[in-house]
Each structure stands twice: as C-alpha cells, then as structure tokens.
Amino acid sequence: MAKIQEVQFPFGEVATDLIVYVQGFPTNSSYCRIQYLLTSATGKQLFSDYYTLTEEEFQGWGEDNTYIDQIAAARIPVVIIDEPIVQ
C-alpha cells in the first residue's frame, strides 16, 4: 500500500491510499495482470480497475514491488507521496 496525494471524490469521499494486487502468473510468463484500488483513510474502496503489464513493464519489474505501484499510479493518475520501505 502506498500513501497518495489526496484525491477528492463526489459526496465528500477522499482517497488517501493506493493498493495494488498482482494476480498469479506462471513462472515462464512475460506479462501479468494487476488490480489497483484507491481507498479512503478508513479503508473504504472508492475506485478499482485492472491493467495488464506489457512485456517491457513486466521485464522491468525486478525485485522492487514499488515499481508496480508506480505503474498503477501512472494509470490513474495519482501522485504517490509515501511508499513502504522495501527490505
């Protein structure tokens, strides 16, 4: 989960977090599908969509999962202001 610059939704809802899920894929795959959600500070889901990474994006993934967050953020678009520390 990554903290994002607040996004105002209708009826006073404010998105504060970006959550990205990577759907399972075989080890010999050259692409994968992600689901990304915008949620409020209380965890209420305000937006959800899916995206299939291109072969180039998939190959660029490496070991840093924040890379996937950045791809999702660019698709929406939102600005990530704080990402978890990767250890």
N, C-alpha and C. Protein backbone atom coordinates (compact mmCIF):
# COMPACT_ATOMS: atom_id res chain seq x y z
N MET A 1 0.85 -1.17 0.00
CA MET A 1 0.00 0.00 0.00
C MET A 1 0.89 1.23 0.00
N ALA A 2 0.46 2.24 -0.75
CA ALA A 2 1.21 3.48 -0.81
C ALA A 2 0.27 4.65 -0.48
N LYS A 3 0.78 5.60 0.27
CA LYS A 3 0.02 6.83 0.53
C LYS A 3 0.09 7.70 -0.72
N ILE A 4 -1.05 8.30 -1.06
CA ILE A 4 -1.10 9.15 -2.26
C ILE A 4 -1.53 10.56 -1.88
N GLN A 5 -1.24 11.48 -2.78
CA GLN A 5 -1.77 12.82 -2.63
C GLN A 5 -3.29 12.69 -2.69
N GLU A 6 -4.00 13.30 -1.76
CA GLU A 6 -5.44 13.11 -1.65
C GLU A 6 -6.16 13.42 -2.96
N VAL A 7 -7.15 12.56 -3.25
CA VAL A 7 -7.99 12.72 -4.43
C VAL A 7 -9.42 12.85 -3.95
N GLN A 8 -10.07 13.96 -4.31
CA GLN A 8 -11.44 14.21 -3.89
C GLN A 8 -12.42 13.47 -4.80
N PHE A 9 -13.33 12.71 -4.20
CA PHE A 9 -14.39 12.02 -4.92
C PHE A 9 -15.71 12.71 -4.60
N PRO A 10 -16.75 12.46 -5.40
CA PRO A 10 -18.06 13.04 -5.10
C PRO A 10 -18.56 12.64 -3.71
N PHE A 11 -19.44 13.42 -3.17
CA PHE A 11 -20.08 13.17 -1.88
C PHE A 11 -19.10 13.20 -0.71
N GLY A 12 -18.03 13.98 -0.84
CA GLY A 12 -17.11 14.20 0.26
C GLY A 12 -16.10 13.11 0.52
N GLU A 13 -16.06 12.08 -0.30
CA GLU A 13 -15.09 11.00 -0.11
C GLU A 13 -13.70 11.44 -0.58
N VAL A 14 -12.67 11.03 0.14
CA VAL A 14 -11.29 11.39 -0.19
C VAL A 14 -10.44 10.12 -0.22
N ALA A 15 -9.79 9.87 -1.34
CA ALA A 15 -8.87 8.74 -1.45
C ALA A 15 -7.51 9.15 -0.90
N THR A 16 -6.93 8.27 -0.07
CA THR A 16 -5.63 8.56 0.54
C THR A 16 -4.61 7.44 0.31
N ASP A 17 -5.08 6.28 -0.16
CA ASP A 17 -4.20 5.13 -0.29
C ASP A 17 -4.38 4.43 -1.63
N LEU A 18 -3.29 3.89 -2.14
CA LEU A 18 -3.28 3.08 -3.35
C LEU A 18 -2.89 1.66 -2.95
N ILE A 19 -3.72 0.70 -3.30
CA ILE A 19 -3.43 -0.71 -3.02
C ILE A 19 -3.35 -1.42 -4.36
N VAL A 20 -2.30 -2.21 -4.55
CA VAL A 20 -2.11 -2.92 -5.82
C VAL A 20 -1.96 -4.40 -5.53
N TYR A 21 -2.71 -5.20 -6.27
CA TYR A 21 -2.62 -6.66 -6.19
C TYR A 21 -2.12 -7.19 -7.52
N VAL A 22 -1.16 -8.10 -7.47
CA VAL A 22 -0.68 -8.77 -8.67
C VAL A 22 -1.37 -10.12 -8.73
N GLN A 23 -2.04 -10.39 -9.84
CA GLN A 23 -2.69 -11.69 -9.99
C GLN A 23 -1.65 -12.74 -10.33
N GLY A 24 -1.90 -13.96 -9.91
CA GLY A 24 -0.95 -15.05 -10.13
C GLY A 24 -0.62 -15.24 -11.60
N PHE A 25 0.59 -15.69 -11.85
CA PHE A 25 1.04 -15.93 -13.22
C PHE A 25 2.08 -17.05 -13.20
N PRO A 26 2.17 -17.80 -14.31
CA PRO A 26 3.16 -18.88 -14.35
C PRO A 26 4.59 -18.33 -14.39
N THR A 27 5.54 -19.13 -13.94
CA THR A 27 6.92 -18.67 -13.87
C THR A 27 7.53 -18.38 -15.23
N ASN A 28 6.96 -18.92 -16.29
CA ASN A 28 7.50 -18.65 -17.63
C ASN A 28 6.74 -17.53 -18.34
N SER A 29 5.96 -16.78 -17.61
CA SER A 29 5.15 -15.72 -18.19
C SER A 29 6.00 -14.51 -18.59
N SER A 30 5.49 -13.74 -19.54
CA SER A 30 6.16 -12.50 -19.93
C SER A 30 5.27 -11.29 -19.66
N TYR A 31 4.18 -11.50 -18.94
CA TYR A 31 3.28 -10.41 -18.56
C TYR A 31 2.48 -10.84 -17.33
N CYS A 32 1.80 -9.89 -16.70
CA CYS A 32 0.88 -10.22 -15.61
C CYS A 32 -0.18 -9.13 -15.53
N ARG A 33 -1.22 -9.43 -14.81
CA ARG A 33 -2.34 -8.51 -14.64
C ARG A 33 -2.34 -8.02 -13.20
N ILE A 34 -2.63 -6.73 -13.02
CA ILE A 34 -2.72 -6.15 -11.69
C ILE A 34 -4.11 -5.57 -11.48
N GLN A 35 -4.52 -5.52 -10.23
CA GLN A 35 -5.72 -4.79 -9.84
C GLN A 35 -5.24 -3.67 -8.93
N TYR A 36 -5.75 -2.47 -9.15
CA TYR A 36 -5.39 -1.37 -8.28
C TYR A 36 -6.64 -0.70 -7.74
N LEU A 37 -6.53 -0.28 -6.47
CA LEU A 37 -7.67 0.32 -5.77
C LEU A 37 -7.24 1.62 -5.12
N LEU A 38 -8.15 2.56 -5.09
CA LEU A 38 -7.98 3.76 -4.26
C LEU A 38 -8.93 3.61 -3.09
N THR A 39 -8.41 3.84 -1.89
CA THR A 39 -9.23 3.70 -0.69
C THR A 39 -9.11 4.95 0.18
N SER A 40 -10.12 5.12 1.03
CA SER A 40 -10.11 6.23 1.97
C SER A 40 -9.24 5.86 3.17
N ALA A 41 -9.04 6.81 4.06
CA ALA A 41 -8.25 6.58 5.27
C ALA A 41 -8.88 5.50 6.15
N THR A 42 -10.18 5.30 6.02
CA THR A 42 -10.88 4.28 6.80
C THR A 42 -10.94 2.94 6.08
N GLY A 43 -10.35 2.86 4.88
CA GLY A 43 -10.32 1.60 4.14
C GLY A 43 -11.45 1.41 3.15
N LYS A 44 -12.32 2.40 3.00
CA LYS A 44 -13.44 2.28 2.06
C LYS A 44 -12.93 2.34 0.63
N GLN A 45 -13.31 1.37 -0.18
CA GLN A 45 -12.88 1.33 -1.59
C GLN A 45 -13.66 2.38 -2.38
N LEU A 46 -12.92 3.26 -3.08
CA LEU A 46 -13.54 4.32 -3.85
C LEU A 46 -13.38 4.13 -5.35
N PHE A 47 -12.37 3.36 -5.76
CA PHE A 47 -12.10 3.15 -7.18
C PHE A 47 -11.32 1.86 -7.34
N SER A 48 -11.60 1.14 -8.42
CA SER A 48 -10.88 -0.09 -8.71
C SER A 48 -10.81 -0.29 -10.21
N ASP A 49 -9.69 -0.82 -10.67
CA ASP A 49 -9.53 -1.11 -12.10
C ASP A 49 -8.45 -2.18 -12.25
N TYR A 50 -8.32 -2.68 -13.47
CA TYR A 50 -7.33 -3.71 -13.80
C TYR A 50 -6.45 -3.21 -14.93
N TYR A 51 -5.24 -3.76 -14.98
CA TYR A 51 -4.30 -3.42 -16.05
C TYR A 51 -3.38 -4.61 -16.27
N THR A 52 -3.11 -4.91 -17.53
CA THR A 52 -2.15 -5.96 -17.86
C THR A 52 -0.83 -5.30 -18.22
N LEU A 53 0.21 -5.63 -17.47
CA LEU A 53 1.54 -5.08 -17.74
C LEU A 53 2.00 -5.53 -19.12
N THR A 54 2.64 -4.64 -19.83
CA THR A 54 3.23 -5.01 -21.10
C THR A 54 4.44 -5.89 -20.83
N GLU A 55 4.93 -6.53 -21.86
CA GLU A 55 6.10 -7.38 -21.71
C GLU A 55 7.29 -6.56 -21.20
N GLU A 56 7.44 -5.33 -21.70
CA GLU A 56 8.55 -4.47 -21.28
C GLU A 56 8.41 -4.09 -19.81
N GLU A 57 7.19 -3.74 -19.38
CA GLU A 57 6.96 -3.40 -17.98
C GLU A 57 7.24 -4.61 -17.09
N PHE A 58 6.78 -5.77 -17.50
CA PHE A 58 6.98 -6.98 -16.73
C PHE A 58 8.47 -7.28 -16.59
N GLN A 59 9.22 -7.15 -17.66
CA GLN A 59 10.65 -7.41 -17.62
C GLN A 59 11.39 -6.40 -16.75
N GLY A 60 10.86 -5.19 -16.64
CA GLY A 60 11.49 -4.14 -15.83
C GLY A 60 11.20 -4.25 -14.35
N TRP A 61 10.35 -5.18 -13.96
CA TRP A 61 9.89 -5.29 -12.58
C TRP A 61 11.03 -5.57 -11.62
N GLY A 62 11.82 -6.57 -11.84
CA GLY A 62 12.91 -6.89 -10.92
C GLY A 62 12.39 -7.32 -9.56
N GLU A 63 13.06 -6.87 -8.48
CA GLU A 63 12.70 -7.28 -7.13
C GLU A 63 11.99 -6.18 -6.34
N ASP A 64 11.84 -5.00 -6.90
CA ASP A 64 11.26 -3.86 -6.19
C ASP A 64 9.77 -3.74 -6.53
N ASN A 65 8.91 -4.11 -5.59
CA ASN A 65 7.47 -4.07 -5.83
C ASN A 65 6.90 -2.66 -5.91
N THR A 66 7.65 -1.66 -5.46
CA THR A 66 7.17 -0.28 -5.61
C THR A 66 7.08 0.09 -7.09
N TYR A 67 7.82 -0.61 -7.92
CA TYR A 67 7.75 -0.43 -9.38
C TYR A 67 6.32 -0.65 -9.87
N ILE A 68 5.65 -1.67 -9.34
CA ILE A 68 4.27 -1.97 -9.72
C ILE A 68 3.34 -0.87 -9.23
N ASP A 69 3.57 -0.37 -8.01
CA ASP A 69 2.77 0.76 -7.50
C ASP A 69 2.88 1.96 -8.43
N GLN A 70 4.10 2.25 -8.89
CA GLN A 70 4.32 3.40 -9.78
C GLN A 70 3.58 3.23 -11.11
N ILE A 71 3.55 2.03 -11.63
CA ILE A 71 2.81 1.78 -12.88
C ILE A 71 1.33 2.04 -12.66
N ALA A 72 0.78 1.52 -11.56
CA ALA A 72 -0.64 1.73 -11.27
C ALA A 72 -0.94 3.21 -11.06
N ALA A 73 -0.08 3.90 -10.33
CA ALA A 73 -0.29 5.33 -10.06
C ALA A 73 -0.31 6.13 -11.35
N ALA A 74 0.54 5.79 -12.28
CA ALA A 74 0.58 6.49 -13.56
C ALA A 74 -0.68 6.24 -14.38
N ARG A 75 -1.30 5.08 -14.22
CA ARG A 75 -2.50 4.74 -14.97
C ARG A 75 -3.71 5.56 -14.51
N ILE A 76 -3.77 5.93 -13.24
CA ILE A 76 -5.00 6.52 -12.69
C ILE A 76 -5.22 7.97 -13.14
N PRO A 77 -4.42 8.92 -13.09
CA PRO A 77 -3.13 9.10 -12.44
C PRO A 77 -3.28 9.68 -11.03
N VAL A 78 -2.40 9.25 -10.14
CA VAL A 78 -2.28 9.82 -8.80
C VAL A 78 -0.81 9.98 -8.48
N VAL A 79 -0.53 10.77 -7.45
CA VAL A 79 0.85 11.02 -7.03
C VAL A 79 1.11 10.27 -5.73
N ILE A 80 2.09 9.39 -5.74
CA ILE A 80 2.49 8.68 -4.52
C ILE A 80 3.36 9.62 -3.69
N ILE A 81 3.00 9.76 -2.42
CA ILE A 81 3.77 10.65 -1.54
C ILE A 81 4.57 9.89 -0.50
N ASP A 82 4.23 8.62 -0.27
CA ASP A 82 4.97 7.81 0.71
C ASP A 82 4.76 6.35 0.38
N GLU A 83 5.86 5.65 0.14
CA GLU A 83 5.79 4.22 -0.14
C GLU A 83 6.45 3.46 0.99
N PRO A 84 5.99 2.23 1.23
CA PRO A 84 6.63 1.44 2.27
C PRO A 84 8.08 1.17 1.94
N ILE A 85 8.88 0.99 2.97
CA ILE A 85 10.29 0.69 2.78
C ILE A 85 10.43 -0.78 2.37
N VAL A 86 11.15 -1.03 1.29
CA VAL A 86 11.37 -2.39 0.81
C VAL A 86 12.63 -2.92 1.45
N GLN A 87 12.54 -4.08 2.10
CA GLN A 87 13.71 -4.66 2.75
C GLN A 87 14.09 -5.95 2.11
